[in-house]
Amino acid sequence: MKLKYEFTVMDMGDGEICAVPVGESAKAFRGMLRLNALSADILEQLKEHTTPYKIHDSLKARFPDATDQEIAQELNPFLLTLLKEGLLIMP
């Protein structure tokens, strides 16, 4: 899977992170995504083809004290939201 549109992630300050479409994507997707640090990391990984398993593994490496269940509780709803909103391309 990978993002359907090209986004740039920007730190707006005060802990606010946004992703806005760029280039041709800005014509097709109007709006922006409000993110936290974890979802911004996931979104960056989705710029290239990847799998939920690879993302999970990278988050596990980044947060070694987190359990698999804790990672899944953050990762799965975010991926489902992106899928539901038509922002992911599935192979």
C-alpha atoms as a PDB file:
ATOM      1  CA  MET A   1       0.000   0.000   0.000  1.00  0.00           C
ATOM      2  CA  LYS A   2       0.999   3.614  -0.466  1.00  0.00           C
ATOM      3  CA  LEU A   3      -0.474   7.081  -0.376  1.00  0.00           C
ATOM      4  CA  LYS A   4      -2.684   7.944  -3.321  1.00  0.00           C
ATOM      5  CA  TYR A   5      -1.665  11.601  -3.160  1.00  0.00           C
ATOM      6  CA  GLU A   6       1.617  13.381  -2.563  1.00  0.00           C
ATOM      7  CA  PHE A   7       1.717  15.188   0.773  1.00  0.00           C
ATOM      8  CA  THR A   8       4.254  17.307   2.536  1.00  0.00           C
ATOM      9  CA  VAL A   9       4.306  17.124   6.322  1.00  0.00           C
ATOM     10  CA  MET A  10       4.862  20.383   8.172  1.00  0.00           C
ATOM     11  CA  ASP A  11       5.420  21.112  11.839  1.00  0.00           C
ATOM     12  CA  MET A  12       3.222  24.123  12.544  1.00  0.00           C
ATOM     13  CA  GLY A  13       4.649  24.638  16.042  1.00  0.00           C
ATOM     14  CA  ASP A  14       3.032  24.061  19.418  1.00  0.00           C
ATOM     15  CA  GLY A  15       2.863  20.338  18.666  1.00  0.00           C
ATOM     16  CA  GLU A  16       0.589  20.758  15.648  1.00  0.00           C
ATOM     17  CA  ILE A  17       1.599  18.783  12.564  1.00  0.00           C
ATOM     18  CA  CYS A  18      -0.227  19.035   9.249  1.00  0.00           C
ATOM     19  CA  ALA A  19       0.043  17.249   5.924  1.00  0.00           C
ATOM     20  CA  VAL A  20      -0.987  19.176   2.842  1.00  0.00           C
ATOM     21  CA  PRO A  21      -1.225  17.911  -0.721  1.00  0.00           C
ATOM     22  CA  VAL A  22       1.342  19.235  -3.172  1.00  0.00           C
ATOM     23  CA  GLY A  23       1.651  19.388  -6.936  1.00  0.00           C
ATOM     24  CA  GLU A  24      -1.094  17.708  -8.936  1.00  0.00           C
ATOM     25  CA  SER A  25      -2.356  16.128  -5.730  1.00  0.00           C
ATOM     26  CA  ALA A  26      -3.496  19.555  -4.523  1.00  0.00           C
ATOM     27  CA  LYS A  27      -5.962  19.660  -7.427  1.00  0.00           C
ATOM     28  CA  ALA A  28      -7.391  16.230  -6.639  1.00  0.00           C
ATOM     29  CA  PHE A  29      -7.413  16.395  -2.829  1.00  0.00           C
ATOM     30  CA  ARG A  30      -8.539  19.625  -1.246  1.00  0.00           C
ATOM     31  CA  GLY A  31      -7.836  19.874   2.419  1.00  0.00           C
ATOM     32  CA  MET A  32      -5.202  18.917   4.914  1.00  0.00           C
ATOM     33  CA  LEU A  33      -4.559  16.238   7.490  1.00  0.00           C
ATOM     34  CA  ARG A  34      -3.983  17.079  11.136  1.00  0.00           C
ATOM     35  CA  LEU A  35      -1.495  14.638  12.597  1.00  0.00           C
ATOM     36  CA  ASN A  36       0.333  13.754  15.755  1.00  0.00           C
ATOM     37  CA  ALA A  37       4.010  12.757  15.719  1.00  0.00           C
ATOM     38  CA  LEU A  38       3.222   9.054  15.360  1.00  0.00           C
ATOM     39  CA  SER A  39       0.753   9.464  12.491  1.00  0.00           C
ATOM     40  CA  ALA A  40       3.207  11.832  10.761  1.00  0.00           C
ATOM     41  CA  ASP A  41       5.844   9.092  10.951  1.00  0.00           C
ATOM     42  CA  ILE A  42       3.402   6.570   9.508  1.00  0.00           C
ATOM     43  CA  LEU A  43       2.403   8.964   6.725  1.00  0.00           C
ATOM     44  CA  GLU A  44       6.059   9.467   5.791  1.00  0.00           C
ATOM     45  CA  GLN A  45       6.491   5.703   5.483  1.00  0.00           C
ATOM     46  CA  LEU A  46       3.424   5.533   3.230  1.00  0.00           C
ATOM     47  CA  LYS A  47       5.090   7.749   0.621  1.00  0.00           C
ATOM     48  CA  GLU A  48       6.672   4.523  -0.675  1.00  0.00           C
ATOM     49  CA  HIS A  49       5.033   1.132  -1.152  1.00  0.00           C
ATOM     50  CA  THR A  50       5.012  -0.684   2.176  1.00  0.00           C
ATOM     51  CA  THR A  51       2.951  -3.052   4.276  1.00  0.00           C
ATOM     52  CA  PRO A  52       1.307  -2.714   7.675  1.00  0.00           C
ATOM     53  CA  TYR A  53       3.827  -5.259   8.944  1.00  0.00           C
ATOM     54  CA  LYS A  54       6.808  -3.151   7.856  1.00  0.00           C
ATOM     55  CA  ILE A  55       5.311  -0.053   9.455  1.00  0.00           C
ATOM     56  CA  HIS A  56       4.612  -2.019  12.638  1.00  0.00           C
ATOM     57  CA  ASP A  57       8.206  -3.268  12.722  1.00  0.00           C
ATOM     58  CA  SER A  58       9.602   0.248  12.249  1.00  0.00           C
ATOM     59  CA  LEU A  59       7.398   1.565  15.061  1.00  0.00           C
ATOM     60  CA  LYS A  60       8.489  -1.319  17.276  1.00  0.00           C
ATOM     61  CA  ALA A  61      12.121  -0.373  16.637  1.00  0.00           C
ATOM     62  CA  ARG A  62      11.378   3.279  17.369  1.00  0.00           C
ATOM     63  CA  PHE A  63       9.385   2.489  20.532  1.00  0.00           C
ATOM     64  CA  PRO A  64      10.971  -0.686  21.950  1.00  0.00           C
ATOM     65  CA  ASP A  65       9.045  -0.421  25.235  1.00  0.00           C
ATOM     66  CA  ALA A  66       5.684  -0.496  23.454  1.00  0.00           C
ATOM     67  CA  THR A  67       3.897  -3.816  23.147  1.00  0.00           C
ATOM     68  CA  ASP A  68       2.696  -5.156  19.811  1.00  0.00           C
ATOM     69  CA  GLN A  69      -0.858  -4.529  20.986  1.00  0.00           C
ATOM     70  CA  GLU A  70      -0.135  -0.885  21.856  1.00  0.00           C
ATOM     71  CA  ILE A  71       1.401  -0.311  18.442  1.00  0.00           C
ATOM     72  CA  ALA A  72      -1.526  -1.992  16.711  1.00  0.00           C
ATOM     73  CA  GLN A  73      -3.983   0.152  18.699  1.00  0.00           C
ATOM     74  CA  GLU A  74      -2.371   3.251  17.203  1.00  0.00           C
ATOM     75  CA  LEU A  75      -1.502   1.963  13.743  1.00  0.00           C
ATOM     76  CA  ASN A  76      -4.633   0.086  12.713  1.00  0.00           C
ATOM     77  CA  PRO A  77      -7.226   2.845  13.240  1.00  0.00           C
ATOM     78  CA  PHE A  78      -5.032   5.356  11.388  1.00  0.00           C
ATOM     79  CA  LEU A  79      -4.578   3.029   8.410  1.00  0.00           C
ATOM     80  CA  LEU A  80      -8.300   2.248   8.371  1.00  0.00           C
ATOM     81  CA  THR A  81      -9.150   5.957   8.360  1.00  0.00           C
ATOM     82  CA  LEU A  82      -6.795   6.592   5.443  1.00  0.00           C
ATOM     83  CA  LEU A  83      -8.291   3.641   3.590  1.00  0.00           C
ATOM     84  CA  LYS A  84     -11.871   4.722   4.316  1.00  0.00           C
ATOM     85  CA  GLU A  85     -11.134   8.244   3.077  1.00  0.00           C
ATOM     86  CA  GLY A  86      -9.626   6.900  -0.160  1.00  0.00           C
ATOM     87  CA  LEU A  87      -6.097   8.070   0.572  1.00  0.00           C
ATOM     88  CA  LEU A  88      -4.356   4.702   0.132  1.00  0.00           C
ATOM     89  CA  ILE A  89      -3.590   2.688  -2.963  1.00  0.00           C
ATOM     90  CA  MET A  90      -3.743  -1.018  -2.299  1.00  0.00           C
ATOM     91  CA  PRO A  91      -1.840  -3.456  -4.519  1.00  0.00           C
END
